[in-house]
Amino acid sequence: MRKLSFFLGLALAGAAKTPAIAHVGNESHAVVRTEPIAGVYNKFWYNYLADVLEADKELKSDLRRATDDEDTRDAWEEYEHELVDADKDYVKEMRERHYVVGRITVGN
């Protein structure tokens, strides 16, 4: 299971980097998680990875078919929306299972 996670992580890292580089002129884009919440490798983590990879695949396809700036902007907006949606779904599933999501800060 850990080996599968390692290889999916590598695929995700490689896939996520390619479009981000092509995203010229827009500094705010959704962040892709590189590690599962609470270090738990479960079906929700793998579903999240699959959603991110699918969004990446769709983005590449949409960018190849883009004929003008508006098509390119639309492709990036859809990509960012799908990344945010995938993260929201993943966080919801993990919270329902009582995992702490986010950062805990003690003191200043």
PDB file of N, CA and C in Angstrom:
ATOM      1  N   MET A   1       0.836  -1.190   0.000  1.00  0.00           N
ATOM      2  CA  MET A   1       0.000   0.000   0.000  1.00  0.00           C
ATOM      3  C   MET A   1       0.884   1.259   0.000  1.00  0.00           C
ATOM      4  N   ARG A   2       1.953   1.251   0.788  1.00  0.00           N
ATOM      5  CA  ARG A   2       2.844   2.412   0.841  1.00  0.00           C
ATOM      6  C   ARG A   2       3.550   2.629  -0.499  1.00  0.00           C
ATOM      7  N   LYS A   3       3.896   1.535  -1.167  1.00  0.00           N
ATOM      8  CA  LYS A   3       4.550   1.668  -2.471  1.00  0.00           C
ATOM      9  C   LYS A   3       3.611   2.318  -3.473  1.00  0.00           C
ATOM     10  N   LEU A   4       2.348   1.901  -3.458  1.00  0.00           N
ATOM     11  CA  LEU A   4       1.359   2.493  -4.347  1.00  0.00           C
ATOM     12  C   LEU A   4       1.227   3.976  -4.051  1.00  0.00           C
ATOM     13  N   SER A   5       1.190   4.320  -2.775  1.00  0.00           N
ATOM     14  CA  SER A   5       1.086   5.719  -2.372  1.00  0.00           C
ATOM     15  C   SER A   5       2.294   6.510  -2.862  1.00  0.00           C
ATOM     16  N   PHE A   6       3.462   5.927  -2.747  1.00  0.00           N
ATOM     17  CA  PHE A   6       4.686   6.593  -3.199  1.00  0.00           C
ATOM     18  C   PHE A   6       4.614   6.898  -4.690  1.00  0.00           C
ATOM     19  N   PHE A   7       4.206   5.899  -5.479  1.00  0.00           N
ATOM     20  CA  PHE A   7       4.153   6.092  -6.928  1.00  0.00           C
ATOM     21  C   PHE A   7       3.051   7.060  -7.330  1.00  0.00           C
ATOM     22  N   LEU A   8       1.910   6.996  -6.662  1.00  0.00           N
ATOM     23  CA  LEU A   8       0.853   7.968  -6.941  1.00  0.00           C
ATOM     24  C   LEU A   8       1.305   9.370  -6.566  1.00  0.00           C
ATOM     25  N   GLY A   9       2.032   9.476  -5.460  1.00  0.00           N
ATOM     26  CA  GLY A   9       2.564  10.773  -5.049  1.00  0.00           C
ATOM     27  C   GLY A   9       3.526  11.338  -6.081  1.00  0.00           C
ATOM     28  N   LEU A  10       4.383  10.483  -6.619  1.00  0.00           N
ATOM     29  CA  LEU A  10       5.312  10.934  -7.658  1.00  0.00           C
ATOM     30  C   LEU A  10       4.556  11.385  -8.902  1.00  0.00           C
ATOM     31  N   ALA A  11       3.550  10.616  -9.287  1.00  0.00           N
ATOM     32  CA  ALA A  11       2.750  10.987 -10.463  1.00  0.00           C
ATOM     33  C   ALA A  11       2.045  12.308 -10.222  1.00  0.00           C
ATOM     34  N   LEU A  12       1.505  12.470  -9.039  1.00  0.00           N
ATOM     35  CA  LEU A  12       0.805  13.709  -8.698  1.00  0.00           C
ATOM     36  C   LEU A  12       1.770  14.891  -8.713  1.00  0.00           C
ATOM     37  N   ALA A  13       2.931  14.714  -8.128  1.00  0.00           N
ATOM     38  CA  ALA A  13       3.904  15.807  -8.084  1.00  0.00           C
ATOM     39  C   ALA A  13       4.324  16.207  -9.494  1.00  0.00           C
ATOM     40  N   GLY A  14       4.586  15.241 -10.332  1.00  0.00           N
ATOM     41  CA  GLY A  14       4.974  15.542 -11.708  1.00  0.00           C
ATOM     42  C   GLY A  14       3.853  16.178 -12.498  1.00  0.00           C
ATOM     43  N   ALA A  15       2.664  15.684 -12.312  1.00  0.00           N
ATOM     44  CA  ALA A  15       1.512  16.214 -13.047  1.00  0.00           C
ATOM     45  C   ALA A  15       1.156  17.614 -12.590  1.00  0.00           C
ATOM     46  N   ALA A  16       1.224  17.845 -11.302  1.00  0.00           N
ATOM     47  CA  ALA A  16       0.819  19.147 -10.773  1.00  0.00           C
ATOM     48  C   ALA A  16       1.814  20.240 -11.155  1.00  0.00           C
ATOM     49  N   LYS A  17       3.079  19.892 -11.299  1.00  0.00           N
ATOM     50  CA  LYS A  17       4.085  20.905 -11.618  1.00  0.00           C
ATOM     51  C   LYS A  17       3.962  21.409 -13.048  1.00  0.00           C
ATOM     52  N   THR A  18       3.636  20.554 -13.962  1.00  0.00           N
ATOM     53  CA  THR A  18       3.587  20.948 -15.362  1.00  0.00           C
ATOM     54  C   THR A  18       2.601  22.075 -15.624  1.00  0.00           C
ATOM     55  N   PRO A  19       1.327  21.954 -15.243  1.00  0.00           N
ATOM     56  CA  PRO A  19       0.405  23.043 -15.521  1.00  0.00           C
ATOM     57  C   PRO A  19       0.718  24.307 -14.732  1.00  0.00           C
ATOM     58  N   ALA A  20       1.206  24.164 -13.504  1.00  0.00           N
ATOM     59  CA  ALA A  20       1.477  25.341 -12.694  1.00  0.00           C
ATOM     60  C   ALA A  20       2.509  26.239 -13.372  1.00  0.00           C
ATOM     61  N   ILE A  21       3.466  25.646 -14.039  1.00  0.00           N
ATOM     62  CA  ILE A  21       4.472  26.424 -14.753  1.00  0.00           C
ATOM     63  C   ILE A  21       3.836  27.173 -15.921  1.00  0.00           C
ATOM     64  N   ALA A  22       2.868  26.528 -16.551  1.00  0.00           N
ATOM     65  CA  ALA A  22       2.210  27.131 -17.706  1.00  0.00           C
ATOM     66  C   ALA A  22       1.230  28.224 -17.305  1.00  0.00           C
ATOM     67  N   HIS A  23       0.971  28.331 -16.036  1.00  0.00           N
ATOM     68  CA  HIS A  23      -0.021  29.282 -15.534  1.00  0.00           C
ATOM     69  C   HIS A  23       0.610  30.663 -15.378  1.00  0.00           C
ATOM     70  N   VAL A  24       0.964  31.256 -16.465  1.00  0.00           N
ATOM     71  CA  VAL A  24       1.660  32.535 -16.483  1.00  0.00           C
ATOM     72  C   VAL A  24       0.692  33.669 -16.176  1.00  0.00           C
ATOM     73  N   GLY A  25       1.143  34.610 -15.345  1.00  0.00           N
ATOM     74  CA  GLY A  25       0.374  35.818 -15.108  1.00  0.00           C
ATOM     75  C   GLY A  25      -0.647  35.712 -14.005  1.00  0.00           C
ATOM     76  N   ASN A  26      -0.844  34.549 -13.436  1.00  0.00           N
ATOM     77  CA  ASN A  26      -1.803  34.412 -12.355  1.00  0.00           C
ATOM     78  C   ASN A  26      -1.097  33.731 -11.195  1.00  0.00           C
ATOM     79  N   GLU A  27      -0.815  34.509 -10.156  1.00  0.00           N
ATOM     80  CA  GLU A  27      -0.044  33.979  -9.047  1.00  0.00           C
ATOM     81  C   GLU A  27      -0.895  33.196  -8.062  1.00  0.00           C
ATOM     82  N   SER A  28      -2.195  33.395  -8.059  1.00  0.00           N
ATOM     83  CA  SER A  28      -3.035  32.685  -7.103  1.00  0.00           C
ATOM     84  C   SER A  28      -3.678  31.487  -7.770  1.00  0.00           C
ATOM     85  N   HIS A  29      -3.211  30.324  -7.407  1.00  0.00           N
ATOM     86  CA  HIS A  29      -3.848  29.111  -7.891  1.00  0.00           C
ATOM     87  C   HIS A  29      -3.970  28.127  -6.736  1.00  0.00           C
ATOM     88  N   ALA A  30      -4.889  27.222  -6.856  1.00  0.00           N
ATOM     89  CA  ALA A  30      -5.166  26.273  -5.789  1.00  0.00           C
ATOM     90  C   ALA A  30      -3.927  25.440  -5.485  1.00  0.00           C
ATOM     91  N   VAL A  31      -3.771  25.112  -4.238  1.00  0.00           N
ATOM     92  CA  VAL A  31      -2.637  24.313  -3.789  1.00  0.00           C
ATOM     93  C   VAL A  31      -3.040  22.850  -3.773  1.00  0.00           C
ATOM     94  N   VAL A  32      -2.162  22.008  -4.260  1.00  0.00           N
ATOM     95  CA  VAL A  32      -2.397  20.571  -4.264  1.00  0.00           C
ATOM     96  C   VAL A  32      -1.665  19.979  -3.062  1.00  0.00           C
ATOM     97  N   ARG A  33      -2.381  19.209  -2.265  1.00  0.00           N
ATOM     98  CA  ARG A  33      -1.768  18.565  -1.096  1.00  0.00           C
ATOM     99  C   ARG A  33      -0.718  17.561  -1.560  1.00  0.00           C
ATOM    100  N   THR A  34       0.390  17.525  -0.848  1.00  0.00           N
ATOM    101  CA  THR A  34       1.440  16.559  -1.158  1.00  0.00           C
ATOM    102  C   THR A  34       1.470  15.423  -0.148  1.00  0.00           C
ATOM    103  N   GLU A  35       0.769  15.586   0.962  1.00  0.00           N
ATOM    104  CA  GLU A  35       0.696  14.554   1.988  1.00  0.00           C
ATOM    105  C   GLU A  35      -0.743  14.449   2.473  1.00  0.00           C
ATOM    106  N   PRO A  36      -1.131  13.252   2.891  1.00  0.00           N
ATOM    107  CA  PRO A  36      -2.502  13.090   3.385  1.00  0.00           C
ATOM    108  C   PRO A  36      -2.683  13.740   4.756  1.00  0.00           C
ATOM    109  N   ILE A  37      -3.907  14.059   5.066  1.00  0.00           N
ATOM    110  CA  ILE A  37      -4.247  14.632   6.360  1.00  0.00           C
ATOM    111  C   ILE A  37      -3.902  13.618   7.445  1.00  0.00           C
ATOM    112  N   ALA A  38      -3.230  14.086   8.475  1.00  0.00           N
ATOM    113  CA  ALA A  38      -2.820  13.265   9.624  1.00  0.00           C
ATOM    114  C   ALA A  38      -1.967  12.071   9.218  1.00  0.00           C
ATOM    115  N   GLY A  39      -1.386  12.111   8.031  1.00  0.00           N
ATOM    116  CA  GLY A  39      -0.536  11.021   7.570  1.00  0.00           C
ATOM    117  C   GLY A  39      -1.288   9.727   7.297  1.00  0.00           C
ATOM    118  N   VAL A  40      -2.605   9.830   7.113  1.00  0.00           N
ATOM    119  CA  VAL A  40      -3.447   8.644   6.926  1.00  0.00           C
ATOM    120  C   VAL A  40      -3.667   8.386   5.441  1.00  0.00           C
ATOM    121  N   TYR A  41      -3.172   7.254   4.982  1.00  0.00           N
ATOM    122  CA  TYR A  41      -3.347   6.838   3.594  1.00  0.00           C
ATOM    123  C   TYR A  41      -4.582   5.946   3.528  1.00  0.00           C
ATOM    124  N   ASN A  42      -5.697   6.532   3.113  1.00  0.00           N
ATOM    125  CA  ASN A  42      -6.938   5.772   3.027  1.00  0.00           C
ATOM    126  C   ASN A  42      -7.590   6.027   1.666  1.00  0.00           C
ATOM    127  N   LYS A  43      -8.781   5.460   1.485  1.00  0.00           N
ATOM    128  CA  LYS A  43      -9.426   5.588   0.175  1.00  0.00           C
ATOM    129  C   LYS A  43      -9.751   7.039  -0.160  1.00  0.00           C
ATOM    130  N   PHE A  44      -9.951   7.860   0.856  1.00  0.00           N
ATOM    131  CA  PHE A  44     -10.261   9.266   0.600  1.00  0.00           C
ATOM    132  C   PHE A  44      -9.036  10.009   0.067  1.00  0.00           C
ATOM    133  N   TRP A  45      -7.851   9.657   0.537  1.00  0.00           N
ATOM    134  CA  TRP A  45      -6.612  10.241   0.025  1.00  0.00           C
ATOM    135  C   TRP A  45      -6.414   9.842  -1.442  1.00  0.00           C
ATOM    136  N   TYR A  46      -6.636   8.569  -1.723  1.00  0.00           N
ATOM    137  CA  TYR A  46      -6.445   8.094  -3.093  1.00  0.00           C
ATOM    138  C   TYR A  46      -7.505   8.661  -4.037  1.00  0.00           C
ATOM    139  N   ASN A  47      -8.713   8.847  -3.540  1.00  0.00           N
ATOM    140  CA  ASN A  47      -9.749   9.509  -4.352  1.00  0.00           C
ATOM    141  C   ASN A  47      -9.345  10.945  -4.649  1.00  0.00           C
ATOM    142  N   TYR A  48      -8.777  11.620  -3.649  1.00  0.00           N
ATOM    143  CA  TYR A  48      -8.306  12.996  -3.842  1.00  0.00           C
ATOM    144  C   TYR A  48      -7.221  13.026  -4.922  1.00  0.00           C
ATOM    145  N   LEU A  49      -6.256  12.127  -4.821  1.00  0.00           N
ATOM    146  CA  LEU A  49      -5.184  12.076  -5.827  1.00  0.00           C
ATOM    147  C   LEU A  49      -5.754  11.825  -7.219  1.00  0.00           C
ATOM    148  N   ALA A  50      -6.713  10.927  -7.308  1.00  0.00           N
ATOM    149  CA  ALA A  50      -7.332  10.632  -8.604  1.00  0.00           C
ATOM    150  C   ALA A  50      -8.052  11.865  -9.151  1.00  0.00           C
ATOM    151  N   ASP A  51      -8.740  12.599  -8.271  1.00  0.00           N
ATOM    152  CA  ASP A  51      -9.439  13.819  -8.702  1.00  0.00           C
ATOM    153  C   ASP A  51      -8.460  14.862  -9.209  1.00  0.00           C
ATOM    154  N   VAL A  52      -7.329  15.004  -8.529  1.00  0.00           N
ATOM    155  CA  VAL A  52      -6.318  15.984  -8.944  1.00  0.00           C
ATOM    156  C   VAL A  52      -5.722  15.584 -10.287  1.00  0.00           C
ATOM    157  N   LEU A  53      -5.414  14.318 -10.430  1.00  0.00           N
ATOM    158  CA  LEU A  53      -4.849  13.853 -11.699  1.00  0.00           C
ATOM    159  C   LEU A  53      -5.841  14.026 -12.849  1.00  0.00           C
ATOM    160  N   GLU A  54      -7.110  13.777 -12.591  1.00  0.00           N
ATOM    161  CA  GLU A  54      -8.144  13.965 -13.621  1.00  0.00           C
ATOM    162  C   GLU A  54      -8.262  15.440 -13.995  1.00  0.00           C
ATOM    163  N   ALA A  55      -8.225  16.324 -12.985  1.00  0.00           N
ATOM    164  CA  ALA A  55      -8.292  17.765 -13.259  1.00  0.00           C
ATOM    165  C   ALA A  55      -7.099  18.195 -14.106  1.00  0.00           C
ATOM    166  N   ASP A  56      -5.934  17.648 -13.791  1.00  0.00           N
ATOM    167  CA  ASP A  56      -4.723  17.969 -14.552  1.00  0.00           C
ATOM    168  C   ASP A  56      -4.849  17.508 -15.999  1.00  0.00           C
ATOM    169  N   LYS A  57      -5.372  16.322 -16.176  1.00  0.00           N
ATOM    170  CA  LYS A  57      -5.561  15.775 -17.524  1.00  0.00           C
ATOM    171  C   LYS A  57      -6.534  16.653 -18.322  1.00  0.00           C
ATOM    172  N   GLU A  58      -7.629  17.056 -17.685  1.00  0.00           N
ATOM    173  CA  GLU A  58      -8.605  17.912 -18.360  1.00  0.00           C
ATOM    174  C   GLU A  58      -8.004  19.275 -18.705  1.00  0.00           C
ATOM    175  N   LEU A  59      -7.208  19.817 -17.788  1.00  0.00           N
ATOM    176  CA  LEU A  59      -6.575  21.109 -18.054  1.00  0.00           C
ATOM    177  C   LEU A  59      -5.676  21.027 -19.277  1.00  0.00           C
ATOM    178  N   LYS A  60      -4.843  20.024 -19.321  1.00  0.00           N
ATOM    179  CA  LYS A  60      -3.939  19.881 -20.468  1.00  0.00           C
ATOM    180  C   LYS A  60      -4.727  19.774 -21.772  1.00  0.00           C
ATOM    181  N   SER A  61      -5.794  19.009 -21.733  1.00  0.00           N
ATOM    182  CA  SER A  61      -6.626  18.855 -22.921  1.00  0.00           C
ATOM    183  C   SER A  61      -7.272  20.184 -23.306  1.00  0.00           C
ATOM    184  N   ASP A  62      -7.825  20.888 -22.316  1.00  0.00           N
ATOM    185  CA  ASP A  62      -8.469  22.177 -22.588  1.00  0.00           C
ATOM    186  C   ASP A  62      -7.468  23.205 -23.120  1.00  0.00           C
ATOM    187  N   LEU A  63      -6.258  23.202 -22.575  1.00  0.00           N
ATOM    188  CA  LEU A  63      -5.246  24.156 -23.041  1.00  0.00           C
ATOM    189  C   LEU A  63      -4.816  23.849 -24.477  1.00  0.00           C
ATOM    190  N   ARG A  64      -4.758  22.586 -24.824  1.00  0.00           N
ATOM    191  CA  ARG A  64      -4.401  22.217 -26.203  1.00  0.00           C
ATOM    192  C   ARG A  64      -5.466  22.697 -27.190  1.00  0.00           C
ATOM    193  N   ARG A  65      -6.727  22.670 -26.749  1.00  0.00           N
ATOM    194  CA  ARG A  65      -7.824  23.062 -27.634  1.00  0.00           C
ATOM    195  C   ARG A  65      -8.140  24.558 -27.580  1.00  0.00           C
ATOM    196  N   ALA A  66      -7.502  25.284 -26.671  1.00  0.00           N
ATOM    197  CA  ALA A  66      -7.792  26.717 -26.527  1.00  0.00           C
ATOM    198  C   ALA A  66      -7.380  27.462 -27.795  1.00  0.00           C
ATOM    199  N   THR A  67      -8.272  28.336 -28.245  1.00  0.00           N
ATOM    200  CA  THR A  67      -7.986  29.104 -29.460  1.00  0.00           C
ATOM    201  C   THR A  67      -7.740  30.574 -29.174  1.00  0.00           C
ATOM    202  N   ASP A  68      -8.028  31.019 -27.950  1.00  0.00           N
ATOM    203  CA  ASP A  68      -7.787  32.422 -27.599  1.00  0.00           C
ATOM    204  C   ASP A  68      -7.584  32.544 -26.086  1.00  0.00           C
ATOM    205  N   ASP A  69      -7.339  33.780 -25.648  1.00  0.00           N
ATOM    206  CA  ASP A  69      -7.075  34.030 -24.228  1.00  0.00           C
ATOM    207  C   ASP A  69      -8.263  33.654 -23.343  1.00  0.00           C
ATOM    208  N   GLU A  70      -9.461  33.874 -23.844  1.00  0.00           N
ATOM    209  CA  GLU A  70     -10.645  33.544 -23.052  1.00  0.00           C
ATOM    210  C   GLU A  70     -10.737  32.037 -22.800  1.00  0.00           C
ATOM    211  N   ASP A  71     -10.446  31.224 -23.801  1.00  0.00           N
ATOM    212  CA  ASP A  71     -10.448  29.770 -23.630  1.00  0.00           C
ATOM    213  C   ASP A  71      -9.406  29.348 -22.593  1.00  0.00           C
ATOM    214  N   THR A  72      -8.252  29.982 -22.657  1.00  0.00           N
ATOM    215  CA  THR A  72      -7.181  29.668 -21.705  1.00  0.00           C
ATOM    216  C   THR A  72      -7.603  30.029 -20.290  1.00  0.00           C
ATOM    217  N   ARG A  73      -8.178  31.222 -20.111  1.00  0.00           N
ATOM    218  CA  ARG A  73      -8.654  31.632 -18.780  1.00  0.00           C
ATOM    219  C   ARG A  73      -9.726  30.680 -18.272  1.00  0.00           C
ATOM    220  N   ASP A  74     -10.645  30.312 -19.138  1.00  0.00           N
ATOM    221  CA  ASP A  74     -11.713  29.383 -18.750  1.00  0.00           C
ATOM    222  C   ASP A  74     -11.139  28.033 -18.301  1.00  0.00           C
ATOM    223  N   ALA A  75     -10.140  27.562 -19.018  1.00  0.00           N
ATOM    224  CA  ALA A  75      -9.522  26.282 -18.666  1.00  0.00           C
ATOM    225  C   ALA A  75      -8.889  26.351 -17.284  1.00  0.00           C
ATOM    226  N   TRP A  76      -8.171  27.437 -17.007  1.00  0.00           N
ATOM    227  CA  TRP A  76      -7.534  27.594 -15.699  1.00  0.00           C
ATOM    228  C   TRP A  76      -8.564  27.770 -14.591  1.00  0.00           C
ATOM    229  N   GLU A  77      -9.632  28.499 -14.868  1.00  0.00           N
ATOM    230  CA  GLU A  77     -10.680  28.680 -13.853  1.00  0.00           C
ATOM    231  C   GLU A  77     -11.334  27.349 -13.512  1.00  0.00           C
ATOM    232  N   GLU A  78     -11.613  26.553 -14.529  1.00  0.00           N
ATOM    233  CA  GLU A  78     -12.214  25.241 -14.298  1.00  0.00           C
ATOM    234  C   GLU A  78     -11.257  24.353 -13.507  1.00  0.00           C
ATOM    235  N   TYR A  79      -9.977  24.389 -13.859  1.00  0.00           N
ATOM    236  CA  TYR A  79      -8.955  23.595 -13.165  1.00  0.00           C
ATOM    237  C   TYR A  79      -8.903  23.964 -11.686  1.00  0.00           C
ATOM    238  N   GLU A  80      -8.825  25.258 -11.413  1.00  0.00           N
ATOM    239  CA  GLU A  80      -8.760  25.699 -10.023  1.00  0.00           C
ATOM    240  C   GLU A  80     -10.026  25.323  -9.270  1.00  0.00           C
ATOM    241  N   HIS A  81     -11.175  25.448  -9.909  1.00  0.00           N
ATOM    242  CA  HIS A  81     -12.440  25.070  -9.279  1.00  0.00           C
ATOM    243  C   HIS A  81     -12.434  23.578  -8.932  1.00  0.00           C
ATOM    244  N   GLU A  82     -11.947  22.750  -9.833  1.00  0.00           N
ATOM    245  CA  GLU A  82     -11.920  21.313  -9.588  1.00  0.00           C
ATOM    246  C   GLU A  82     -10.938  20.949  -8.477  1.00  0.00           C
ATOM    247  N   LEU A  83      -9.797  21.645  -8.399  1.00  0.00           N
ATOM    248  CA  LEU A  83      -8.857  21.388  -7.318  1.00  0.00           C
ATOM    249  C   LEU A  83      -9.454  21.766  -5.965  1.00  0.00           C
ATOM    250  N   VAL A  84     -10.106  22.912  -5.920  1.00  0.00           N
ATOM    251  CA  VAL A  84     -10.736  23.356  -4.673  1.00  0.00           C
ATOM    252  C   VAL A  84     -11.835  22.379  -4.275  1.00  0.00           C
ATOM    253  N   ASP A  85     -12.625  21.945  -5.228  1.00  0.00           N
ATOM    254  CA  ASP A  85     -13.705  21.005  -4.957  1.00  0.00           C
ATOM    255  C   ASP A  85     -13.162  19.664  -4.455  1.00  0.00           C
ATOM    256  N   ALA A  86     -12.106  19.173  -5.059  1.00  0.00           N
ATOM    257  CA  ALA A  86     -11.494  17.912  -4.635  1.00  0.00           C
ATOM    258  C   ALA A  86     -10.987  18.026  -3.197  1.00  0.00           C
ATOM    259  N   ASP A  87     -10.341  19.156  -2.888  1.00  0.00           N
ATOM    260  CA  ASP A  87      -9.824  19.358  -1.535  1.00  0.00           C
ATOM    261  C   ASP A  87     -10.973  19.457  -0.532  1.00  0.00           C
ATOM    262  N   LYS A  88     -12.020  20.176  -0.905  1.00  0.00           N
ATOM    263  CA  LYS A  88     -13.175  20.328  -0.016  1.00  0.00           C
ATOM    264  C   LYS A  88     -13.793  18.969   0.294  1.00  0.00           C
ATOM    265  N   ASP A  89     -13.958  18.140  -0.719  1.00  0.00           N
ATOM    266  CA  ASP A  89     -14.527  16.804  -0.515  1.00  0.00           C
ATOM    267  C   ASP A  89     -13.627  15.963   0.391  1.00  0.00           C
ATOM    268  N   TYR A  90     -12.329  16.019   0.159  1.00  0.00           N
ATOM    269  CA  TYR A  90     -11.374  15.240   0.956  1.00  0.00           C
ATOM    270  C   TYR A  90     -11.403  15.693   2.419  1.00  0.00           C
ATOM    271  N   VAL A  91     -11.350  16.989   2.640  1.00  0.00           N
ATOM    272  CA  VAL A  91     -11.378  17.528   4.002  1.00  0.00           C
ATOM    273  C   VAL A  91     -12.671  17.131   4.703  1.00  0.00           C
ATOM    274  N   LYS A  92     -13.778  17.209   4.004  1.00  0.00           N
ATOM    275  CA  LYS A  92     -15.081  16.845   4.592  1.00  0.00           C
ATOM    276  C   LYS A  92     -15.068  15.387   5.051  1.00  0.00           C
ATOM    277  N   GLU A  93     -14.592  14.494   4.201  1.00  0.00           N
ATOM    278  CA  GLU A  93     -14.547  13.074   4.558  1.00  0.00           C
ATOM    279  C   GLU A  93     -13.653  12.833   5.774  1.00  0.00           C
ATOM    280  N   MET A  94     -12.518  13.508   5.821  1.00  0.00           N
ATOM    281  CA  MET A  94     -11.603  13.308   6.943  1.00  0.00           C
ATOM    282  C   MET A  94     -12.170  13.902   8.236  1.00  0.00           C
ATOM    283  N   ARG A  95     -12.826  15.036   8.150  1.00  0.00           N
ATOM    284  CA  ARG A  95     -13.451  15.622   9.340  1.00  0.00           C
ATOM    285  C   ARG A  95     -14.556  14.723   9.874  1.00  0.00           C
ATOM    286  N   GLU A  96     -15.318  14.117   8.982  1.00  0.00           N
ATOM    287  CA  GLU A  96     -16.377  13.203   9.407  1.00  0.00           C
ATOM    288  C   GLU A  96     -15.812  12.005  10.156  1.00  0.00           C
ATOM    289  N   ARG A  97     -14.546  11.703   9.928  1.00  0.00           N
ATOM    290  CA  ARG A  97     -13.883  10.603  10.618  1.00  0.00           C
ATOM    291  C   ARG A  97     -13.038  11.106  11.779  1.00  0.00           C
ATOM    292  N   HIS A  98     -13.249  12.355  12.165  1.00  0.00           N
ATOM    293  CA  HIS A  98     -12.657  12.983  13.349  1.00  0.00           C
ATOM    294  C   HIS A  98     -11.137  13.179  13.270  1.00  0.00           C
ATOM    295  N   TYR A  99     -10.628  13.373  12.059  1.00  0.00           N
ATOM    296  CA  TYR A  99      -9.226  13.740  11.921  1.00  0.00           C
ATOM    297  C   TYR A  99      -9.115  15.253  11.999  1.00  0.00           C
ATOM    298  N   VAL A 100      -8.041  15.721  12.610  1.00  0.00           N
ATOM    299  CA  VAL A 100      -7.812  17.152  12.705  1.00  0.00           C
ATOM    300  C   VAL A 100      -7.287  17.639  11.362  1.00  0.00           C
ATOM    301  N   VAL A 101      -7.982  18.630  10.806  1.00  0.00           N
ATOM    302  CA  VAL A 101      -7.614  19.172   9.504  1.00  0.00           C
ATOM    303  C   VAL A 101      -7.143  20.593   9.718  1.00  0.00           C
ATOM    304  N   GLY A 102      -5.973  20.919   9.202  1.00  0.00           N
ATOM    305  CA  GLY A 102      -5.443  22.260   9.347  1.00  0.00           C
ATOM    306  C   GLY A 102      -4.258  22.277  10.297  1.00  0.00           C
ATOM    307  N   ARG A 103      -3.930  23.440  10.757  1.00  0.00           N
ATOM    308  CA  ARG A 103      -2.769  23.613  11.634  1.00  0.00           C
ATOM    309  C   ARG A 103      -3.224  23.975  13.030  1.00  0.00           C
ATOM    310  N   ILE A 104      -2.492  23.487  13.981  1.00  0.00           N
ATOM    311  CA  ILE A 104      -2.747  23.858  15.369  1.00  0.00           C
ATOM    312  C   ILE A 104      -1.555  24.679  15.833  1.00  0.00           C
ATOM    313  N   THR A 105      -1.832  25.878  16.304  1.00  0.00           N
ATOM    314  CA  THR A 105      -0.772  26.773  16.753  1.00  0.00           C
ATOM    315  C   THR A 105      -0.906  26.987  18.252  1.00  0.00           C
ATOM    316  N   VAL A 106       0.196  26.837  18.953  1.00  0.00           N
ATOM    317  CA  VAL A 106       0.211  27.048  20.388  1.00  0.00           C
ATOM    318  C   VAL A 106       1.080  28.264  20.666  1.00  0.00           C
ATOM    319  N   GLY A 107       0.533  29.231  21.383  1.00  0.00           N
ATOM    320  CA  GLY A 107       1.294  30.443  21.683  1.00  0.00           C
ATOM    321  C   GLY A 107       1.245  31.418  20.534  1.00  0.00           C
ATOM    322  N   ASN A 108       2.283  32.246  20.419  1.00  0.00           N
ATOM    323  CA  ASN A 108       2.319  33.276  19.383  1.00  0.00           C
ATOM    324  C   ASN A 108       2.698  32.670  18.109  1.00  0.00           C
TER     325      ASN A 108
END
